[in-house]
Amino acid sequence: MLPALMQTLALWALLRLLLRAEAPRQGARRAWLYGTAWLIGATGWIYVSLHHFGGMPAPIAGAAVLLLSAALSGYLAAVGWAWVRWRSGVWWRDAGMFAGLWLLAELARALIFTGFPWGASGYGLIDSPLDRLAPWLGVYGLGAVWAWCVACLACGGRRWAAPVPLLAWVLALAWLPSARFTQMHGQPLRVALLQGNVPQDEKFANERIVGMLVWHAAQLKAADADLVMAPETAIPLLPAQLPEGYWDALVAMFGEGSGRAALIGVPLGSFEQGYSNSVVGLKAGQADSYRYDKHHLVPFGEFIPTGFHWFVALMNMPLGDFSRGPLDAPSFTVRGQRIAPNICYEDLFGEELASRFADKARAPTVLANVSNLAWFGDTVAIAQHVQIARMRSLEFQVPSIRATNTGATVVIDAFGRVTDRMPTQTRGVLNTQVQGFAGQTPFAWWASRFGLWPLVAVGLLLAVAGAGRHRLSDSAPPTPVG
């Protein structure tokens, strides 16, 4: 509840400042400063990646974080400008207009230039009464409802009696027991989640690779579980580059008679065919190994935008240009559970994961994320990624399991609660279990068919419907507030 309260107070303060703005340009500046501060706090860990592991000089790395935050805050600057210019002075219309503009700004950040919606407002609402709306609306719809609630309070001014009934209705709805759209499916899976805790500056060092391979192979062999998961690039070399017999031995571990399965993060491909950041699934009875190739690649980390090869060279990244995998990837079936892998920050894009839920009969019963967050050190990025995974479980009402290099290796149930976890920055194996759930939430239904476009339409409708006839120009006096 504390994150929700803090961000609510911050947005309320911004709205009160916007109500006192003397011109649209002033509203844009205030919203831009708010957004820049918000995003520096949410994405400051990028500095660690750029400076400590990328070798970028500290001033340049700090400037890069500032410039990224400032650029992404341009969407909120547009919100401040438009709201100050077109608000009507009628509190309920102004609140609706602000919610629509806020929704459009968050959607723009999620969709434009491959999308980077890290720090979207809906994630701060986990464990608040409003998180019950996640399986209906998704994280961005949830953020829009929250923005509307805060705008009702801010625009009501001294007229507290006006917005209170509407807010009371929303909160009463949110306090009701969560609607359940999925049901338990099959028997619980015993899972072993590996956390190698390999420092990023050692991960690709030749003198460290053998020890890393030996440790992961030993844990994969020793694990007494239905499913063993190793993190993203737990095996940092292509199978053809591994010591002779190593890959064949891994495949044999999970062959006939083993009764076990594995998901292992490993790069795949060739110079001729291109490379992919992948997860390989091993189990008995399959002609070919299961393969999942990462679909949503990280700009500058996994693919290089045209004209920016100099930037990757400056960061000294060992991994450069990967090929993109298909969006609608099949699940990996283990003892009747349909496991849907995703890699690193792919679980930030719930609308893309939703494509796997289009067919209710084949929808995943467990989400499985493998990550390597060693790039970002022991920073808030780890806790933020857990919040993201919790939101995906809330949206789809299926559990999530996460195997990571440095943390957080966790199990999340179908209702967004962390049920088991391993300490971060430690080496070990989390032996636990997960209960699969089958079904389809309203969010999974509409997002799998239409993506985020229904929310774009709602945002436009609210913004246009709430706009007043009289526009405030940059030279007009401010409208009095209560």
Foldseek 3Di string as FASTA:
>chain_A
DVLLVVVLVLLLVLLLVLLQDFFLQSQLVSQLVSQLVLQCVQPVLQLLLQPVQQVFDNVVSVVVSSVVSSVLSNLRSVLRSLLSFFFALPQLLSLLQSLLSLLLSLVCQQPPPLHDNGSPSLLSCVVPLLLLCCQAQNSSRSSSVSSSLSSSVNQCFVVVVVCVVVNVVSSVVSPPPRDDFWDFDDDWWWEKFFAALDFPNCCPPPVCLVVLLVVVVVCLLPDPTQEYEAFFPSVVAEPVPDPPPSVVVSLVSAEPPNNHKYWYFYWYDDPVGFIFGWIWIHHYDDPDIDIDGAARDDDLQAEDPPPCPVVVVSSVHPHYHGDHGDLQGAFDDTNNFGEAEHEACPLLQLLSLLLPCQDQVRHGQEYEYHYEPSSSPPDCVQVSVLSSQLSSLCNFLHKYAYHYHFDFGFIAHSNSHTDDTDDGSDGDMDTDIYTTIGGGGNNSNVSSPPNCVVSNVSSVVSSVSSTHPGTGHRNHGRDDGD
